[in-house]
C-alpha atoms as a PDB file:
ATOM      1  CA  MET A   1      -0.041   0.156  -0.409  1.00  0.00           C
ATOM      2  CA  ILE A   2       1.479   3.495  -0.876  1.00  0.00           C
ATOM      3  CA  TYR A   3       1.021   6.799   0.683  1.00  0.00           C
ATOM      4  CA  LEU A   4       1.626  10.228  -1.022  1.00  0.00           C
ATOM      5  CA  ASP A   5       2.391  13.414  -0.421  1.00  0.00           C
ATOM      6  CA  ALA A   6       3.040  14.763  -3.122  1.00  0.00           C
ATOM      7  CA  GLY A   7       4.519  18.675  -2.603  1.00  0.00           C
ATOM      8  CA  THR A   8       5.577  21.244  -5.025  1.00  0.00           C
ATOM      9  CA  THR A   9       8.761  20.419  -5.409  1.00  0.00           C
ATOM     10  CA  TYR A  10       9.253  17.228  -3.386  1.00  0.00           C
ATOM     11  CA  SER A  11       7.183  14.053  -2.950  1.00  0.00           C
ATOM     12  CA  LYS A  12       7.264  11.885   0.138  1.00  0.00           C
ATOM     13  CA  ILE A  13       6.126   8.343  -0.024  1.00  0.00           C
ATOM     14  CA  ILE A  14       5.401   5.867   2.524  1.00  0.00           C
ATOM     15  CA  GLU A  15       5.335   2.305   1.075  1.00  0.00           C
ATOM     16  CA  LEU A  16       3.497  -0.066   4.060  1.00  0.00           C
ATOM     17  CA  ASP A  17       3.645  -3.830   4.231  1.00  0.00           C
ATOM     18  CA  SER A  18       6.057  -4.428   1.397  1.00  0.00           C
ATOM     19  CA  ASN A  19       9.335  -6.668   1.713  1.00  0.00           C
ATOM     20  CA  THR A  20      11.030  -4.804  -1.268  1.00  0.00           C
ATOM     21  CA  LEU A  21      11.722  -1.448  -2.488  1.00  0.00           C
ATOM     22  CA  LEU A  22       9.420   0.316  -4.611  1.00  0.00           C
ATOM     23  CA  GLY A  23      10.276  -0.362  -8.017  1.00  0.00           C
ATOM     24  CA  ASN A  24      11.860   2.792  -9.747  1.00  0.00           C
ATOM     25  CA  PHE A  25      12.245   4.563  -6.740  1.00  0.00           C
ATOM     26  CA  ALA A  26      14.929   2.179  -5.023  1.00  0.00           C
ATOM     27  CA  LYS A  27      17.172   5.473  -5.623  1.00  0.00           C
ATOM     28  CA  TYR A  28      14.804   7.682  -3.466  1.00  0.00           C
ATOM     29  CA  TYR A  29      14.814   5.549  -0.581  1.00  0.00           C
ATOM     30  CA  ILE A  30      15.456   6.941   2.776  1.00  0.00           C
ATOM     31  CA  LYS A  31      14.518   4.530   5.380  1.00  0.00           C
ATOM     32  CA  SER A  32      12.790   1.457   6.711  1.00  0.00           C
ATOM     33  CA  GLU A  33      11.324   2.067  10.110  1.00  0.00           C
ATOM     34  CA  ASN A  34       7.969  -0.224  11.928  1.00  0.00           C
ATOM     35  CA  ASN A  35       7.136  -1.935   8.375  1.00  0.00           C
ATOM     36  CA  LYS A  36       7.561   1.013   6.518  1.00  0.00           C
ATOM     37  CA  ASN A  37       9.561   2.209   3.361  1.00  0.00           C
ATOM     38  CA  TYR A  38      10.017   5.835   3.117  1.00  0.00           C
ATOM     39  CA  TYR A  39      10.928   7.653   0.042  1.00  0.00           C
ATOM     40  CA  ILE A  40      11.312  11.754  -1.190  1.00  0.00           C
ATOM     41  CA  LEU A  41      11.472  12.391  -4.698  1.00  0.00           C
ATOM     42  CA  PRO A  42      11.126  14.993  -6.887  1.00  0.00           C
ATOM     43  CA  SER A  43       7.795  15.739  -8.000  1.00  0.00           C
ATOM     44  CA  SER A  44       8.250  15.822 -11.341  1.00  0.00           C
ATOM     45  CA  ILE A  45       8.565  12.119 -11.370  1.00  0.00           C
ATOM     46  CA  ILE A  46       5.297  11.307 -10.010  1.00  0.00           C
ATOM     47  CA  LYS A  47       3.248  12.462 -13.136  1.00  0.00           C
ATOM     48  CA  THR A  48       5.619  10.469 -15.293  1.00  0.00           C
ATOM     49  CA  LYS A  49       4.633   7.055 -13.230  1.00  0.00           C
ATOM     50  CA  ASN A  50       1.678   5.015 -12.804  1.00  0.00           C
ATOM     51  CA  ILE A  51       1.135   4.439  -9.165  1.00  0.00           C
ATOM     52  CA  LYS A  52      -1.660   2.802  -7.962  1.00  0.00           C
ATOM     53  CA  LEU A  53      -1.984   4.709  -4.132  1.00  0.00           C
ATOM     54  CA  GLN A  54      -3.826   4.114  -1.439  1.00  0.00           C
ATOM     55  CA  LYS A  55      -4.098   7.774  -0.251  1.00  0.00           C
ATOM     56  CA  CYS A  56      -2.664  10.681  -1.415  1.00  0.00           C
ATOM     57  CA  CYS A  57      -2.492  14.349  -0.377  1.00  0.00           C
ATOM     58  CA  GLY A  58      -0.845  17.572  -1.808  1.00  0.00           C
ATOM     59  CA  HIS A  59      -1.203  19.766  -4.951  1.00  0.00           C
ATOM     60  CA  MET A  60       0.624  17.735  -7.503  1.00  0.00           C
ATOM     61  CA  THR A  61      -1.814  14.850  -7.584  1.00  0.00           C
ATOM     62  CA  GLU A  62      -5.555  14.416  -7.355  1.00  0.00           C
ATOM     63  CA  ALA A  63      -5.811  14.454  -3.683  1.00  0.00           C
ATOM     64  CA  THR A  64      -7.930  11.773  -2.095  1.00  0.00           C
ATOM     65  CA  GLU A  65      -7.377  13.367   1.484  1.00  0.00           C
ATOM     66  CA  ASN A  66      -7.421  17.194   2.908  1.00  0.00           C
ATOM     67  CA  GLU A  67      -3.687  18.451   4.066  1.00  0.00           C
ATOM     68  CA  ILE A  68      -4.846  19.601   6.866  1.00  0.00           C
ATOM     69  CA  ILE A  69      -6.673  16.509   8.192  1.00  0.00           C
ATOM     70  CA  ALA A  70      -3.532  14.628   7.271  1.00  0.00           C
ATOM     71  CA  LEU A  71      -1.273  16.707   9.021  1.00  0.00           C
ATOM     72  CA  ALA A  72      -3.985  16.279  11.857  1.00  0.00           C
ATOM     73  CA  ASN A  73      -3.729  12.816  11.549  1.00  0.00           C
ATOM     74  CA  GLY A  74      -0.103  12.352  11.643  1.00  0.00           C
ATOM     75  CA  ALA A  75       1.224  14.765  14.475  1.00  0.00           C
ATOM     76  CA  LYS A  76      -1.734  13.968  17.448  1.00  0.00           C
ATOM     77  CA  ASN A  77       0.106  11.140  18.633  1.00  0.00           C
ATOM     78  CA  ILE A  78       3.581  13.178  18.938  1.00  0.00           C
ATOM     79  CA  ILE A  79       2.629  16.421  20.458  1.00  0.00           C
ATOM     80  CA  ASP A  80       1.596  17.620  23.823  1.00  0.00           C
ATOM     81  CA  GLU A  81      -2.197  18.197  24.206  1.00  0.00           C
ATOM     82  CA  ASN A  82      -1.877  21.666  23.926  1.00  0.00           C
ATOM     83  CA  ALA A  83       0.428  22.105  21.162  1.00  0.00           C
ATOM     84  CA  THR A  84       0.600  24.400  17.825  1.00  0.00           C
ATOM     85  CA  VAL A  85       1.732  22.341  14.622  1.00  0.00           C
ATOM     86  CA  LEU A  86       2.814  24.235  11.801  1.00  0.00           C
ATOM     87  CA  ASP A  87       3.601  22.859   8.153  1.00  0.00           C
ATOM     88  CA  LEU A  88       5.748  24.761   5.763  1.00  0.00           C
ATOM     89  CA  GLY A  89       6.318  23.834   2.488  1.00  0.00           C
ATOM     90  CA  SER A  90       7.500  25.327  -1.096  1.00  0.00           C
ATOM     91  CA  ARG A  91       4.474  27.044  -1.498  1.00  0.00           C
ATOM     92  CA  ASP A  92       2.134  27.099   1.434  1.00  0.00           C
ATOM     93  CA  ALA A  93       1.856  27.239   4.983  1.00  0.00           C
ATOM     94  CA  LYS A  94      -0.224  25.585   7.463  1.00  0.00           C
ATOM     95  CA  TRP A  95      -0.938  25.114  11.208  1.00  0.00           C
ATOM     96  CA  ILE A  96      -3.114  23.721  13.771  1.00  0.00           C
ATOM     97  CA  ARG A  97      -3.477  24.290  17.198  1.00  0.00           C
ATOM     98  CA  PHE A  98      -4.573  21.439  19.737  1.00  0.00           C
ATOM     99  CA  LYS A  99      -5.924  21.912  23.025  1.00  0.00           C
ATOM    100  CA  SER A 100      -6.577  19.450  25.500  1.00  0.00           C
ATOM    101  CA  GLY A 101      -5.582  16.758  22.766  1.00  0.00           C
ATOM    102  CA  LYS A 102      -8.630  18.209  20.612  1.00  0.00           C
ATOM    103  CA  PHE A 103      -8.317  20.249  17.753  1.00  0.00           C
ATOM    104  CA  HIS A 104      -9.038  23.899  18.389  1.00  0.00           C
ATOM    105  CA  ASP A 105      -8.066  25.853  15.636  1.00  0.00           C
ATOM    106  CA  MET A 106      -6.255  26.402  12.169  1.00  0.00           C
ATOM    107  CA  ASP A 107      -5.257  28.366   9.389  1.00  0.00           C
ATOM    108  CA  TRP A 108      -4.134  27.908   5.821  1.00  0.00           C
ATOM    109  CA  ASN A 109      -2.375  30.278   3.723  1.00  0.00           C
ATOM    110  CA  THR A 110      -1.132  30.286   0.601  1.00  0.00           C
ATOM    111  CA  SER A 111      -0.624  33.969  -0.630  1.00  0.00           C
ATOM    112  CA  CYS A 112       2.344  35.850   1.537  1.00  0.00           C
ATOM    113  CA  ALA A 113       3.668  32.118   2.559  1.00  0.00           C
ATOM    114  CA  SER A 114       3.982  31.375  -1.614  1.00  0.00           C
ATOM    115  CA  SER A 115       6.966  29.841  -2.604  1.00  0.00           C
ATOM    116  CA  THR A 116       8.874  30.127   0.122  1.00  0.00           C
ATOM    117  CA  GLY A 117      10.596  26.792  -0.085  1.00  0.00           C
ATOM    118  CA  ALA A 118      11.214  27.086  -3.524  1.00  0.00           C
ATOM    119  CA  THR A 119      12.432  30.473  -3.786  1.00  0.00           C
ATOM    120  CA  VAL A 120      15.312  29.660  -1.482  1.00  0.00           C
ATOM    121  CA  GLU A 121      16.108  26.340  -2.996  1.00  0.00           C
ATOM    122  CA  MET A 122      16.437  28.611  -6.176  1.00  0.00           C
ATOM    123  CA  LEU A 123      18.418  31.434  -4.899  1.00  0.00           C
ATOM    124  CA  LEU A 124      20.882  28.513  -3.455  1.00  0.00           C
ATOM    125  CA  LYS A 125      21.388  27.185  -6.744  1.00  0.00           C
ATOM    126  CA  PHE A 126      21.484  30.742  -8.051  1.00  0.00           C
ATOM    127  CA  TYR A 127      24.379  31.426  -5.779  1.00  0.00           C
ATOM    128  CA  ASN A 128      26.024  28.466  -5.666  1.00  0.00           C
ATOM    129  CA  LEU A 129      25.860  27.762  -2.274  1.00  0.00           C
ATOM    130  CA  ASN A 130      24.463  24.868  -0.187  1.00  0.00           C
ATOM    131  CA  ARG A 131      21.545  24.895   2.392  1.00  0.00           C
ATOM    132  CA  GLU A 132      24.417  24.173   4.787  1.00  0.00           C
ATOM    133  CA  ASP A 133      26.398  27.306   4.113  1.00  0.00           C
ATOM    134  CA  LEU A 134      23.704  29.566   5.606  1.00  0.00           C
ATOM    135  CA  ILE A 135      24.039  30.605   9.549  1.00  0.00           C
ATOM    136  CA  PHE A 136      21.557  32.380  11.558  1.00  0.00           C
ATOM    137  CA  ASN A 137      21.825  35.854  11.410  1.00  0.00           C
ATOM    138  CA  LYS A 138      19.797  38.233  14.349  1.00  0.00           C
ATOM    139  CA  GLU A 139      19.275  40.644  11.302  1.00  0.00           C
ATOM    140  CA  LYS A 140      16.136  39.738   9.395  1.00  0.00           C
ATOM    141  CA  PHE A 141      14.169  40.843   6.019  1.00  0.00           C
ATOM    142  CA  ALA A 142      10.917  42.309   6.716  1.00  0.00           C
ATOM    143  CA  VAL A 143       9.318  40.632   3.402  1.00  0.00           C
ATOM    144  CA  THR A 144       5.681  39.244   2.877  1.00  0.00           C
ATOM    145  CA  CYS A 145       6.725  36.650  -0.069  1.00  0.00           C
ATOM    146  CA  GLY A 146       9.688  35.658  -2.005  1.00  0.00           C
ATOM    147  CA  ILE A 147       9.442  38.198  -4.556  1.00  0.00           C
ATOM    148  CA  PHE A 148       9.960  41.066  -1.923  1.00  0.00           C
ATOM    149  CA  GLY A 149      12.829  38.996  -0.625  1.00  0.00           C
ATOM    150  CA  LEU A 150      14.355  38.999  -3.664  1.00  0.00           C
ATOM    151  CA  GLU A 151      14.673  42.664  -3.819  1.00  0.00           C
ATOM    152  CA  LYS A 152      15.961  42.634  -0.443  1.00  0.00           C
ATOM    153  CA  ILE A 153      18.974  40.289  -1.268  1.00  0.00           C
ATOM    154  CA  MET A 154      19.838  41.744  -4.272  1.00  0.00           C
ATOM    155  CA  ASP A 155      20.006  45.203  -2.406  1.00  0.00           C
ATOM    156  CA  ASP A 156      21.604  43.886   0.603  1.00  0.00           C
ATOM    157  CA  ILE A 157      24.665  42.206  -2.066  1.00  0.00           C
ATOM    158  CA  SER A 158      24.791  45.149  -3.979  1.00  0.00           C
ATOM    159  CA  ASN A 159      25.965  46.652  -0.865  1.00  0.00           C
ATOM    160  CA  GLY A 160      28.555  44.353  -0.129  1.00  0.00           C
ATOM    161  CA  ALA A 161      26.978  41.632   1.840  1.00  0.00           C
ATOM    162  CA  SER A 162      27.716  38.230   1.182  1.00  0.00           C
ATOM    163  CA  ALA A 163      25.183  35.936  -0.590  1.00  0.00           C
ATOM    164  CA  THR A 164      25.323  34.282   2.539  1.00  0.00           C
ATOM    165  CA  ASP A 165      24.877  36.378   4.798  1.00  0.00           C
ATOM    166  CA  ALA A 166      21.946  37.947   2.806  1.00  0.00           C
ATOM    167  CA  ILE A 167      20.171  34.721   1.906  1.00  0.00           C
ATOM    168  CA  SER A 168      20.372  34.177   5.754  1.00  0.00           C
ATOM    169  CA  LYS A 169      18.397  37.217   6.628  1.00  0.00           C
ATOM    170  CA  PHE A 170      16.006  36.480   4.426  1.00  0.00           C
ATOM    171  CA  VAL A 171      15.222  32.692   5.329  1.00  0.00           C
ATOM    172  CA  HIS A 172      15.396  34.615   9.386  1.00  0.00           C
ATOM    173  CA  GLY A 173      12.424  36.920   7.740  1.00  0.00           C
ATOM    174  CA  ILE A 174      10.699  33.270   6.626  1.00  0.00           C
ATOM    175  CA  ALA A 175      11.055  32.355  10.473  1.00  0.00           C
ATOM    176  CA  TYR A 176       9.673  34.958  11.725  1.00  0.00           C
ATOM    177  CA  ASN A 177       6.541  35.412   9.196  1.00  0.00           C
ATOM    178  CA  ALA A 178       5.988  32.243  10.053  1.00  0.00           C
ATOM    179  CA  TRP A 179       6.084  32.027  14.078  1.00  0.00           C
ATOM    180  CA  ASN A 180       3.619  35.400  13.552  1.00  0.00           C
ATOM    181  CA  PHE A 181       1.116  33.551  11.216  1.00  0.00           C
ATOM    182  CA  ALA A 182       1.057  30.542  14.100  1.00  0.00           C
ATOM    183  CA  LYS A 183       0.010  33.320  16.621  1.00  0.00           C
ATOM    184  CA  LYS A 184       3.494  33.477  18.267  1.00  0.00           C
ATOM    185  CA  PRO A 185       3.434  30.068  20.132  1.00  0.00           C
ATOM    186  CA  ASN A 186       5.718  29.460  22.707  1.00  0.00           C
ATOM    187  CA  LYS A 187       6.592  26.232  21.617  1.00  0.00           C
ATOM    188  CA  LEU A 188       6.477  24.969  17.995  1.00  0.00           C
ATOM    189  CA  TYR A 189       6.021  21.609  16.438  1.00  0.00           C
ATOM    190  CA  LEU A 190       7.554  22.204  12.840  1.00  0.00           C
ATOM    191  CA  SER A 191       6.932  19.803   9.856  1.00  0.00           C
ATOM    192  CA  GLY A 192       8.529  19.981   6.396  1.00  0.00           C
ATOM    193  CA  GLY A 193      11.435  20.401   4.486  1.00  0.00           C
ATOM    194  CA  PHE A 194      12.521  23.118   6.386  1.00  0.00           C
ATOM    195  CA  CYS A 195      12.895  20.803   9.419  1.00  0.00           C
ATOM    196  CA  GLU A 196      16.355  19.867   7.265  1.00  0.00           C
ATOM    197  CA  ASN A 197      17.343  23.908   6.734  1.00  0.00           C
ATOM    198  CA  LYS A 198      19.409  24.593   9.998  1.00  0.00           C
ATOM    199  CA  CYS A 199      19.581  28.386   9.347  1.00  0.00           C
ATOM    200  CA  PHE A 200      15.728  28.246   9.506  1.00  0.00           C
ATOM    201  CA  VAL A 201      15.588  26.063  12.633  1.00  0.00           C
ATOM    202  CA  ASN A 202      17.887  28.576  14.593  1.00  0.00           C
ATOM    203  CA  SER A 203      15.989  31.790  13.472  1.00  0.00           C
ATOM    204  CA  LEU A 204      12.383  30.430  14.573  1.00  0.00           C
ATOM    205  CA  GLU A 205      14.419  29.273  17.831  1.00  0.00           C
ATOM    206  CA  TYR A 206      15.096  32.923  18.429  1.00  0.00           C
ATOM    207  CA  TYR A 207      11.189  33.262  18.974  1.00  0.00           C
ATOM    208  CA  CYS A 208      10.215  29.567  20.559  1.00  0.00           C
ATOM    209  CA  GLU A 209      11.156  26.356  21.316  1.00  0.00           C
ATOM    210  CA  VAL A 210      10.954  24.201  18.192  1.00  0.00           C
ATOM    211  CA  VAL A 211      10.411  20.620  17.675  1.00  0.00           C
ATOM    212  CA  LYS A 212      11.105  19.215  14.576  1.00  0.00           C
ATOM    213  CA  LEU A 213       8.852  16.498  13.341  1.00  0.00           C
ATOM    214  CA  GLY A 214      10.055  15.792   9.814  1.00  0.00           C
ATOM    215  CA  ARG A 215       8.983  15.556   6.457  1.00  0.00           C
ATOM    216  CA  PHE A 216       6.650  12.574   6.513  1.00  0.00           C
ATOM    217  CA  ILE A 217       4.060  14.111   8.937  1.00  0.00           C
ATOM    218  CA  LEU A 218       1.207  14.678   6.049  1.00  0.00           C
ATOM    219  CA  CYS A 219       2.255  10.863   5.011  1.00  0.00           C
ATOM    220  CA  GLU A 220       1.896   9.343   8.353  1.00  0.00           C
ATOM    221  CA  GLY A 221      -1.268  10.856   8.858  1.00  0.00           C
ATOM    222  CA  LEU A 222      -2.371   9.302   5.818  1.00  0.00           C
ATOM    223  CA  VAL A 223      -1.632   6.023   7.144  1.00  0.00           C
ATOM    224  CA  ASN A 224      -3.434   6.797   9.787  1.00  0.00           C
ATOM    225  CA  SER A 225      -6.659   7.890   8.903  1.00  0.00           C
ATOM    226  CA  ASP A 226      -6.906   4.358   7.630  1.00  0.00           C
ATOM    227  CA  LYS A 227      -7.570   3.697  11.375  1.00  0.00           C
ATOM    228  CA  ASP A 228      -9.262   7.399  12.496  1.00  0.00           C
ATOM    229  CA  SER A 229     -12.353   9.041  10.614  1.00  0.00           C
ATOM    230  CA  ALA A 230     -11.644  13.105   9.974  1.00  0.00           C
ATOM    231  CA  LYS A 231     -14.454  13.521  12.438  1.00  0.00           C
ATOM    232  CA  GLU A 232     -12.297  11.781  15.411  1.00  0.00           C
ATOM    233  CA  ILE A 233      -9.554  13.892  13.921  1.00  0.00           C
ATOM    234  CA  LEU A 234     -10.957  17.251  13.972  1.00  0.00           C
ATOM    235  CA  ASN A 235     -13.775  16.360  16.765  1.00  0.00           C
ATOM    236  CA  VAL A 236     -16.890  17.375  14.598  1.00  0.00           C
END
């Protein structure tokens, strides 16, 4: 059984109840755990393959499940009873708040959070940098989207800053915006590719405690949704 979270840039797959790796995707294999095989692959590949899916969510597929429900379902058993969970990807940001173990509040932003992850990837490629080159900088750019961020970065570099410093300030700005968007919690559970961006995590830690959940929370939520209904997850 295959569960797919098809993000804009990368897709995450959990393959359940299989003793062999998933065909042509073997080179994208990450790990095996609890009778599950985990994969991360470019989303451009997904549409070229005929995959029989158990359940799926995300922008790059005909989703069968809502991403908010998948996020809640994936996080609910590994967080505190009172917690805020933020999922930040290439093109959107979404958060869920639990109170006494039950769904309490949420928001989903596809506008000013648009292209945050994709913009960082593009900038790193353009300036020939690695994600590990970015270092937390107490300075930040007050930006609301990737486009305005590009202007700030180019201005900073033209004034003598290194590309590394300029992009790090931009990443700090994304972290600050994400914390504000999630209503400034004291503790934030982080889901998505930004868990692997040390500069982003350190920038977010400047404002709150951060617990990294990794990149497969929505996929885990799809697996769990076979056990629990959406009504039980959202307490409706």
